Amino acid sequence: MKPSVRAYSLLIAALLPLSACGIPETGVVEAGEPATGVLDPGVTSAPSQSVPEAVPLVKVPLYFVEDGSLVAVDRTVPGPTDLGSSVLMLFKGPDDRERGKGLTTELPPAAEAPSIRTDGTGVTVQLPRSAGILSDTAVDQLACTVAVARLRQDPALGRAQVTVEQPGGRLAGRSSDDCPFGGARETPGDPGAAESTATPGTGGSAAGTGG
C-alpha cells in the first residue's frame, strides 16, 4: 500500500525543526588549544640532566707553629670561604699532612665560633668564654690568619689591623705588617700544590705581646 499524502506531510514536518537548529551534517567541531607534550607511541620521556657546576678551589692562609715559630701555610679547599670559615679551620688545628710536616698549634679546640667584625682595615675577633686566655703565640696565629685572609679578601687595603678580644675584656692587637709572609707554603698532596704567591707584607716574625 502506498503511503498517503498525509504521511509524507508528517515526515517533512518532522525534519524541518532539525535543519532549523543548525546541527551540522558532517565534520568535527574544534574547541580549545591543541594538545601539547604528547609523545609518539613507543617513545618515553627522559629525565633532564643538569651538568653540575665545578666548585672552584681557593687557598686559605693559616698560621701554625713549627719549632716555636709562626709558619704561614696555604691550605687548598673548595671555595668560596670567608673570615669565619678561615678561623674555624685554624681552630681545628693542622690536618694530617700539616702535622706530618711538624706543624702544631697553641690554639685550643673551638667549642663556639668567635664573632668577627670588620671596619675597613680594622678587624675585631671576639672570642667566646670557652676559649679561655690565649698565649701570645696563639694570639699571633689567630691575628695573622685573620689579617692575611682580610687582605686576600680586599687586596686594595694594603694592610689590616686585628684586635683580639679575649674573655674578661683582655685585648691584644696585631698588624698584618707583623706577620711572616715570604710565600706561604702548601702541604704536599694538595690540589695544585706549588709555591704560592707571596702576600703583600714586610716579612719578619710576629711581634707584640698580649695586652
Protein backbone atom coordinates (compact mmCIF):
# COMPACT_ATOMS: atom_id res chain seq x y z
CA MET A 1 0.00 0.00 0.00
CA LYS A 2 1.42 3.39 -0.99
CA PRO A 3 1.93 5.91 1.80
CA SER A 4 -0.67 8.59 1.85
CA VAL A 5 -0.10 12.25 1.19
CA ARG A 6 -0.71 12.81 4.89
CA ALA A 7 2.22 10.53 5.81
CA TYR A 8 4.62 12.48 3.55
CA SER A 9 3.47 15.74 5.08
CA LEU A 10 4.16 14.47 8.61
CA LEU A 11 7.69 13.31 7.65
CA ILE A 12 8.60 16.66 6.13
CA ALA A 13 7.24 18.47 9.18
CA ALA A 14 9.45 16.35 11.44
CA LEU A 15 12.64 17.12 9.51
CA LEU A 16 12.18 20.88 9.29
CA PRO A 17 12.98 21.63 13.04
CA LEU A 18 16.26 19.70 12.81
CA SER A 19 17.59 21.76 9.92
CA ALA A 20 16.49 24.98 11.63
CA CYS A 21 18.60 24.18 14.78
CA GLY A 22 21.87 24.49 12.83
CA ILE A 23 23.09 20.97 13.57
CA PRO A 24 25.97 20.29 11.13
CA GLU A 25 25.54 17.35 8.92
CA THR A 26 29.24 16.36 8.74
CA GLY A 27 32.71 17.42 10.09
CA VAL A 28 34.37 17.83 13.52
CA VAL A 29 33.88 20.84 15.77
CA GLU A 30 37.26 22.08 17.17
CA ALA A 31 37.48 23.77 20.59
CA GLY A 32 40.36 24.84 22.92
CA GLU A 33 44.14 24.82 22.39
CA PRO A 34 45.85 21.92 20.61
CA ALA A 35 47.32 19.26 22.87
CA THR A 36 50.99 19.65 23.73
CA GLY A 37 53.60 17.32 25.18
CA VAL A 38 52.14 14.22 23.63
CA LEU A 39 54.75 11.64 22.70
CA ASP A 40 54.60 9.31 19.76
CA PRO A 41 53.66 5.72 20.60
CA GLY A 42 56.61 3.77 21.96
CA VAL A 43 58.59 6.90 22.96
CA THR A 44 59.30 7.51 26.65
CA SER A 45 60.40 10.78 28.20
CA ALA A 46 63.98 11.06 29.52
CA PRO A 47 64.65 12.99 32.76
CA SER A 48 66.55 16.22 32.23
CA GLN A 49 70.15 16.04 33.40
CA SER A 50 71.77 19.26 34.55
CA VAL A 51 75.56 19.42 34.47
CA PRO A 52 76.86 20.28 37.98
CA GLU A 53 78.98 23.41 38.16
CA ALA A 54 82.60 22.91 39.12
CA VAL A 55 83.42 24.20 42.62
CA PRO A 56 86.49 26.46 42.47
CA LEU A 57 89.48 25.70 44.69
CA VAL A 58 90.81 28.50 46.85
CA LYS A 59 93.90 28.89 49.03
CA VAL A 60 93.17 29.67 52.67
CA PRO A 61 96.07 31.20 54.62
CA LEU A 62 96.52 29.60 58.03
CA TYR A 63 99.20 30.20 60.65
CA PHE A 64 100.59 27.32 62.68
CA VAL A 65 103.71 26.76 64.78
CA GLU A 66 106.94 24.99 63.87
CA ASP A 67 109.78 24.78 66.41
CA GLY A 68 108.26 27.69 68.34
CA SER A 69 108.00 29.99 65.31
CA LEU A 70 104.97 31.13 63.38
CA VAL A 71 104.62 29.49 59.94
CA ALA A 72 102.25 30.50 57.15
CA VAL A 73 100.54 27.69 55.25
CA ASP A 74 98.18 27.82 52.29
CA ARG A 75 95.52 25.13 52.59
CA THR A 76 93.66 24.43 49.33
CA VAL A 77 89.94 23.85 49.86
CA PRO A 78 86.73 24.06 47.83
CA GLY A 79 85.60 27.70 47.85
CA PRO A 80 84.43 30.24 48.42
CA THR A 81 85.47 30.93 52.01
CA ASP A 82 85.14 33.88 54.37
CA LEU A 83 86.90 35.10 57.50
CA GLY A 84 84.68 33.00 59.76
CA SER A 85 85.39 29.74 57.95
CA SER A 86 89.13 30.51 57.93
CA VAL A 87 89.09 31.00 61.70
CA LEU A 88 87.18 27.74 62.22
CA MET A 89 89.75 25.85 60.12
CA LEU A 90 92.52 27.42 62.19
CA PHE A 91 90.94 26.37 65.50
CA LYS A 92 90.61 22.79 64.24
CA GLY A 93 94.39 22.70 64.01
CA PRO A 94 96.75 21.24 61.43
CA ASP A 95 95.44 18.44 59.25
CA ASP A 96 97.26 15.11 58.86
CA ARG A 97 99.54 16.37 56.10
CA GLU A 98 100.45 19.51 58.03
CA ARG A 99 101.14 17.53 61.21
CA GLY A 100 103.33 15.25 59.12
CA LYS A 101 105.42 18.33 58.31
CA GLY A 102 105.88 19.01 62.02
CA LEU A 103 103.31 21.82 62.35
CA THR A 104 101.46 22.28 65.64
CA THR A 105 99.09 24.83 67.18
CA GLU A 106 98.71 26.60 70.51
CA LEU A 107 95.04 27.40 69.93
CA PRO A 108 92.54 25.33 71.91
CA PRO A 109 89.75 23.46 70.07
CA ALA A 110 86.84 25.84 69.50
CA ALA A 111 83.58 24.79 71.11
CA GLU A 112 81.99 28.01 69.83
CA ALA A 113 82.78 30.14 66.80
CA PRO A 114 84.30 33.57 67.55
CA SER A 115 82.42 36.60 66.28
CA ILE A 116 84.19 38.71 63.68
CA ARG A 117 83.55 42.37 62.82
CA THR A 118 85.22 44.27 60.00
CA ASP A 119 85.54 48.02 59.53
CA GLY A 120 87.80 48.92 56.65
CA THR A 121 91.33 47.86 57.54
CA GLY A 122 90.26 47.01 61.09
CA VAL A 123 89.03 43.55 62.12
CA THR A 124 87.85 42.63 65.61
CA VAL A 125 87.73 38.98 66.69
CA GLN A 126 85.73 38.38 69.88
CA LEU A 127 86.47 35.01 71.46
CA PRO A 128 83.80 33.06 73.34
CA ARG A 129 84.30 32.45 77.05
CA SER A 130 85.05 28.80 76.37
CA ALA A 131 88.28 29.81 74.59
CA GLY A 132 89.97 30.96 77.79
CA ILE A 133 93.06 33.17 77.77
CA LEU A 134 95.34 32.60 74.79
CA SER A 135 99.13 32.55 74.80
CA ASP A 136 100.95 35.21 72.83
CA THR A 137 101.77 32.68 70.12
CA ALA A 138 98.11 31.62 69.88
CA VAL A 139 97.09 35.27 69.52
CA ASP A 140 99.71 35.63 66.76
CA GLN A 141 98.26 32.60 64.97
CA LEU A 142 94.73 33.95 65.13
CA ALA A 143 95.52 37.58 64.33
CA CYS A 144 97.80 36.77 61.38
CA THR A 145 95.34 34.27 59.89
CA VAL A 146 92.58 36.89 60.05
CA ALA A 147 94.79 39.73 58.81
CA VAL A 148 96.10 37.88 55.75
CA ALA A 149 92.65 36.48 54.94
CA ARG A 150 91.30 40.03 55.09
CA LEU A 151 93.99 41.27 52.69
CA ARG A 152 93.22 38.48 50.25
CA GLN A 153 89.56 39.37 50.56
CA ASP A 154 90.31 43.00 49.70
CA PRO A 155 93.88 43.49 48.39
CA ALA A 156 93.30 47.23 47.92
CA LEU A 157 93.50 47.70 51.71
CA GLY A 158 97.26 47.24 51.75
CA ARG A 159 97.35 46.33 55.44
CA ALA A 160 95.00 45.06 58.12
CA GLN A 161 94.84 45.69 61.87
CA VAL A 162 93.38 42.90 64.02
CA THR A 163 92.14 43.22 67.59
CA VAL A 164 91.55 40.02 69.56
CA GLU A 165 89.04 40.37 72.42
CA GLN A 166 89.61 37.64 74.98
CA PRO A 167 87.33 36.70 77.89
CA GLY A 168 87.40 39.26 80.68
CA GLY A 169 87.91 42.17 78.29
CA ARG A 170 91.59 41.45 77.64
CA LEU A 171 92.64 42.92 74.28
CA ALA A 172 95.53 42.09 72.00
CA GLY A 173 96.33 43.91 68.78
CA ARG A 174 98.33 42.79 65.77
CA SER A 175 99.05 44.28 62.37
CA SER A 176 99.48 42.38 59.12
CA ASP A 177 102.89 44.09 58.94
CA ASP A 178 103.95 41.96 61.93
CA CYS A 179 103.09 38.64 60.25
CA PRO A 180 105.63 36.44 58.44
CA PHE A 181 104.98 36.17 54.72
CA GLY A 182 107.54 35.36 52.06
CA GLY A 183 105.23 32.93 50.26
CA ALA A 184 103.05 30.68 52.34
CA ARG A 185 103.91 27.07 51.58
CA GLU A 186 101.43 24.39 50.68
CA THR A 187 101.20 20.88 52.04
CA PRO A 188 102.30 18.24 49.50
CA GLY A 189 99.33 16.43 48.01
CA ASP A 190 97.05 19.43 47.95
CA PRO A 191 95.37 20.11 44.58
CA GLY A 192 97.59 22.41 42.57
CA ALA A 193 100.35 22.16 45.15
CA ALA A 194 103.02 24.66 44.20
CA GLU A 195 104.76 27.59 45.79
CA SER A 196 102.03 30.15 46.36
CA THR A 197 102.28 33.81 45.53
CA ALA A 198 103.64 35.91 48.36
CA THR A 199 101.08 38.01 50.16
CA PRO A 200 101.90 41.73 50.44
CA GLY A 201 103.73 42.47 53.65
CA THR A 202 107.06 43.36 55.14
CA GLY A 203 108.03 39.89 56.29
CA GLY A 204 109.63 39.15 59.60
CA SER A 205 108.19 37.39 62.63
CA ALA A 206 105.02 38.19 64.51
CA ALA A 207 105.56 40.79 67.15
CA GLY A 208 103.77 42.16 70.17
CA THR A 209 102.52 40.71 73.41
CA GLY A 210 99.09 40.17 74.79
CA GLY A 211 97.53 43.20 76.28
